[in-house]
Amino acid sequence: MELLFVVLGGAILGLGARYLLPLRHTHGVLLIPSIGAGVAAIVWVALTWLGWAWDGGWIWVVSLVVAGLAAAASAYLIGPKRERADVELFERLSRPGTSAQAGAAKVG
């Protein structure tokens, strides 16, 4: 039951990261909350396997802090990378003959 609560907490932190950090238009609505939920679950299970008490406070703190940091880092990394990739794709598609001619010039 506690695993369900920690996954929900990770998803909520991911949802907060999605809407508080910039460039949210560059990724899907559920991507960052899913990363937060998944990281929270993995950290929780790993800590219980290491012998941390599931009813202790530190397992909750560590699991949720790591999930929040992972969600925030994902939002910071995915947004700019996706924006650069979109600009590059737009530039490539806006000049369709240029890349074909450049490729033919390299071959010949």
C-alpha atoms as a PDB file:
ATOM      1  CA  MET A   1       0.000   0.000   0.000  1.00  0.00           C
ATOM      2  CA  GLU A   2       2.847   2.381   0.793  1.00  0.00           C
ATOM      3  CA  LEU A   3       4.336   1.766  -2.661  1.00  0.00           C
ATOM      4  CA  LEU A   4       1.092   3.063  -4.172  1.00  0.00           C
ATOM      5  CA  PHE A   5       1.304   6.223  -2.084  1.00  0.00           C
ATOM      6  CA  VAL A   6       4.942   6.881  -2.934  1.00  0.00           C
ATOM      7  CA  VAL A   7       4.240   6.373  -6.656  1.00  0.00           C
ATOM      8  CA  LEU A   8       1.343   8.811  -6.401  1.00  0.00           C
ATOM      9  CA  GLY A   9       3.621  11.275  -4.616  1.00  0.00           C
ATOM     10  CA  GLY A  10       6.240  10.927  -7.356  1.00  0.00           C
ATOM     11  CA  ALA A  11       3.601  11.518 -10.015  1.00  0.00           C
ATOM     12  CA  ILE A  12       2.354  14.620  -8.204  1.00  0.00           C
ATOM     13  CA  LEU A  13       5.905  15.972  -7.923  1.00  0.00           C
ATOM     14  CA  GLY A  14       6.402  15.255 -11.621  1.00  0.00           C
ATOM     15  CA  LEU A  15       3.174  17.050 -12.432  1.00  0.00           C
ATOM     16  CA  GLY A  16       4.387  20.020 -10.417  1.00  0.00           C
ATOM     17  CA  ALA A  17       7.715  19.958 -12.249  1.00  0.00           C
ATOM     18  CA  ARG A  18       5.921  19.851 -15.585  1.00  0.00           C
ATOM     19  CA  TYR A  19       3.846  22.943 -14.891  1.00  0.00           C
ATOM     20  CA  LEU A  20       6.426  24.952 -12.915  1.00  0.00           C
ATOM     21  CA  LEU A  21       9.383  24.563 -15.279  1.00  0.00           C
ATOM     22  CA  PRO A  22       9.703  26.192 -18.716  1.00  0.00           C
ATOM     23  CA  LEU A  23       9.335  24.569 -22.165  1.00  0.00           C
ATOM     24  CA  ARG A  24       6.475  22.290 -21.181  1.00  0.00           C
ATOM     25  CA  HIS A  25       5.096  22.578 -24.720  1.00  0.00           C
ATOM     26  CA  THR A  26       7.995  20.453 -25.980  1.00  0.00           C
ATOM     27  CA  HIS A  27       6.969  17.168 -24.359  1.00  0.00           C
ATOM     28  CA  GLY A  28       3.836  15.217 -23.619  1.00  0.00           C
ATOM     29  CA  VAL A  29       1.537  15.810 -20.680  1.00  0.00           C
ATOM     30  CA  LEU A  30       2.336  12.525 -18.933  1.00  0.00           C
ATOM     31  CA  LEU A  31       6.059  12.193 -19.640  1.00  0.00           C
ATOM     32  CA  ILE A  32       7.487  14.094 -16.662  1.00  0.00           C
ATOM     33  CA  PRO A  33       4.899  12.789 -14.137  1.00  0.00           C
ATOM     34  CA  SER A  34       5.586   9.250 -15.372  1.00  0.00           C
ATOM     35  CA  ILE A  35       9.300   9.719 -14.834  1.00  0.00           C
ATOM     36  CA  GLY A  36       8.625  10.979 -11.309  1.00  0.00           C
ATOM     37  CA  ALA A  37       6.346   8.037 -10.523  1.00  0.00           C
ATOM     38  CA  GLY A  38       8.751   5.483 -11.956  1.00  0.00           C
ATOM     39  CA  VAL A  39      11.771   6.855 -10.124  1.00  0.00           C
ATOM     40  CA  ALA A  40       9.838   6.999  -6.854  1.00  0.00           C
ATOM     41  CA  ALA A  41       8.837   3.345  -7.230  1.00  0.00           C
ATOM     42  CA  ILE A  42      12.353   2.194  -8.119  1.00  0.00           C
ATOM     43  CA  VAL A  43      13.968   4.115  -5.261  1.00  0.00           C
ATOM     44  CA  TRP A  44      11.355   2.889  -2.775  1.00  0.00           C
ATOM     45  CA  VAL A  45      11.792  -0.754  -3.762  1.00  0.00           C
ATOM     46  CA  ALA A  46      15.587  -0.455  -3.753  1.00  0.00           C
ATOM     47  CA  LEU A  47      15.563   1.064  -0.272  1.00  0.00           C
ATOM     48  CA  THR A  48      13.226  -1.613   1.090  1.00  0.00           C
ATOM     49  CA  TRP A  49      15.533  -4.279  -0.356  1.00  0.00           C
ATOM     50  CA  LEU A  50      18.407  -2.561   1.431  1.00  0.00           C
ATOM     51  CA  GLY A  51      16.516  -3.001   4.681  1.00  0.00           C
ATOM     52  CA  TRP A  52      15.078   0.450   5.245  1.00  0.00           C
ATOM     53  CA  ALA A  53      11.867   0.338   7.281  1.00  0.00           C
ATOM     54  CA  TRP A  54       8.817   1.115   5.150  1.00  0.00           C
ATOM     55  CA  ASP A  55       7.186   2.944   8.045  1.00  0.00           C
ATOM     56  CA  GLY A  56      10.236   5.120   8.704  1.00  0.00           C
ATOM     57  CA  GLY A  57      10.367   8.735   7.655  1.00  0.00           C
ATOM     58  CA  TRP A  58      13.666   8.665   5.781  1.00  0.00           C
ATOM     59  CA  ILE A  59      12.528   6.221   3.119  1.00  0.00           C
ATOM     60  CA  TRP A  60       9.710   8.612   2.258  1.00  0.00           C
ATOM     61  CA  VAL A  61      11.981  11.646   2.204  1.00  0.00           C
ATOM     62  CA  VAL A  62      14.655  10.007   0.060  1.00  0.00           C
ATOM     63  CA  SER A  63      12.176   8.450  -2.372  1.00  0.00           C
ATOM     64  CA  LEU A  64      10.220  11.643  -2.934  1.00  0.00           C
ATOM     65  CA  VAL A  65      13.244  13.951  -3.091  1.00  0.00           C
ATOM     66  CA  VAL A  66      14.967  11.721  -5.669  1.00  0.00           C
ATOM     67  CA  ALA A  67      11.726  11.466  -7.666  1.00  0.00           C
ATOM     68  CA  GLY A  68      11.276  15.246  -7.630  1.00  0.00           C
ATOM     69  CA  LEU A  69      14.883  15.852  -8.647  1.00  0.00           C
ATOM     70  CA  ALA A  70      14.651  13.291 -11.456  1.00  0.00           C
ATOM     71  CA  ALA A  71      11.430  14.839 -12.756  1.00  0.00           C
ATOM     72  CA  ALA A  72      12.902  18.351 -12.641  1.00  0.00           C
ATOM     73  CA  ALA A  73      16.136  17.240 -14.308  1.00  0.00           C
ATOM     74  CA  SER A  74      14.170  15.451 -17.014  1.00  0.00           C
ATOM     75  CA  ALA A  75      12.102  18.542 -17.712  1.00  0.00           C
ATOM     76  CA  TYR A  76      15.230  20.713 -17.871  1.00  0.00           C
ATOM     77  CA  LEU A  77      17.035  18.292 -20.192  1.00  0.00           C
ATOM     78  CA  ILE A  78      14.196  17.209 -22.470  1.00  0.00           C
ATOM     79  CA  GLY A  79      12.790  20.691 -23.153  1.00  0.00           C
ATOM     80  CA  PRO A  80      15.860  22.386 -24.675  1.00  0.00           C
ATOM     81  CA  LYS A  81      16.959  19.251 -26.520  1.00  0.00           C
ATOM     82  CA  ARG A  82      13.546  18.852 -28.078  1.00  0.00           C
ATOM     83  CA  GLU A  83      13.424  22.536 -29.003  1.00  0.00           C
ATOM     84  CA  ARG A  84      16.822  22.287 -30.768  1.00  0.00           C
ATOM     85  CA  ALA A  85      15.724  19.125 -32.567  1.00  0.00           C
ATOM     86  CA  ASP A  86      12.497  20.808 -33.706  1.00  0.00           C
ATOM     87  CA  VAL A  87      14.383  23.820 -35.080  1.00  0.00           C
ATOM     88  CA  GLU A  88      16.851  21.547 -36.873  1.00  0.00           C
ATOM     89  CA  LEU A  89      14.033  19.473 -38.375  1.00  0.00           C
ATOM     90  CA  PHE A  90      12.180  22.604 -39.469  1.00  0.00           C
ATOM     91  CA  GLU A  91      15.284  23.988 -41.138  1.00  0.00           C
ATOM     92  CA  ARG A  92      15.916  20.701 -42.920  1.00  0.00           C
ATOM     93  CA  LEU A  93      12.325  20.323 -44.097  1.00  0.00           C
ATOM     94  CA  SER A  94      11.966  23.951 -45.175  1.00  0.00           C
ATOM     95  CA  ARG A  95      14.681  23.459 -47.813  1.00  0.00           C
ATOM     96  CA  PRO A  96      13.952  20.042 -49.313  1.00  0.00           C
ATOM     97  CA  GLY A  97      16.181  20.378 -52.375  1.00  0.00           C
ATOM     98  CA  THR A  98      19.223  21.607 -50.476  1.00  0.00           C
ATOM     99  CA  SER A  99      19.996  18.424 -48.581  1.00  0.00           C
ATOM    100  CA  ALA A 100      19.484  16.246 -51.655  1.00  0.00           C
ATOM    101  CA  GLN A 101      21.805  18.440 -53.727  1.00  0.00           C
ATOM    102  CA  ALA A 102      24.425  18.515 -50.966  1.00  0.00           C
ATOM    103  CA  GLY A 103      24.299  14.727 -50.734  1.00  0.00           C
ATOM    104  CA  ALA A 104      24.687  14.386 -54.504  1.00  0.00           C
ATOM    105  CA  ALA A 105      27.627  16.817 -54.480  1.00  0.00           C
ATOM    106  CA  LYS A 106      29.429  14.716 -51.865  1.00  0.00           C
ATOM    107  CA  VAL A 107      28.965  11.527 -53.885  1.00  0.00           C
ATOM    108  CA  GLY A 108      30.043  13.011 -57.234  1.00  0.00           C
END
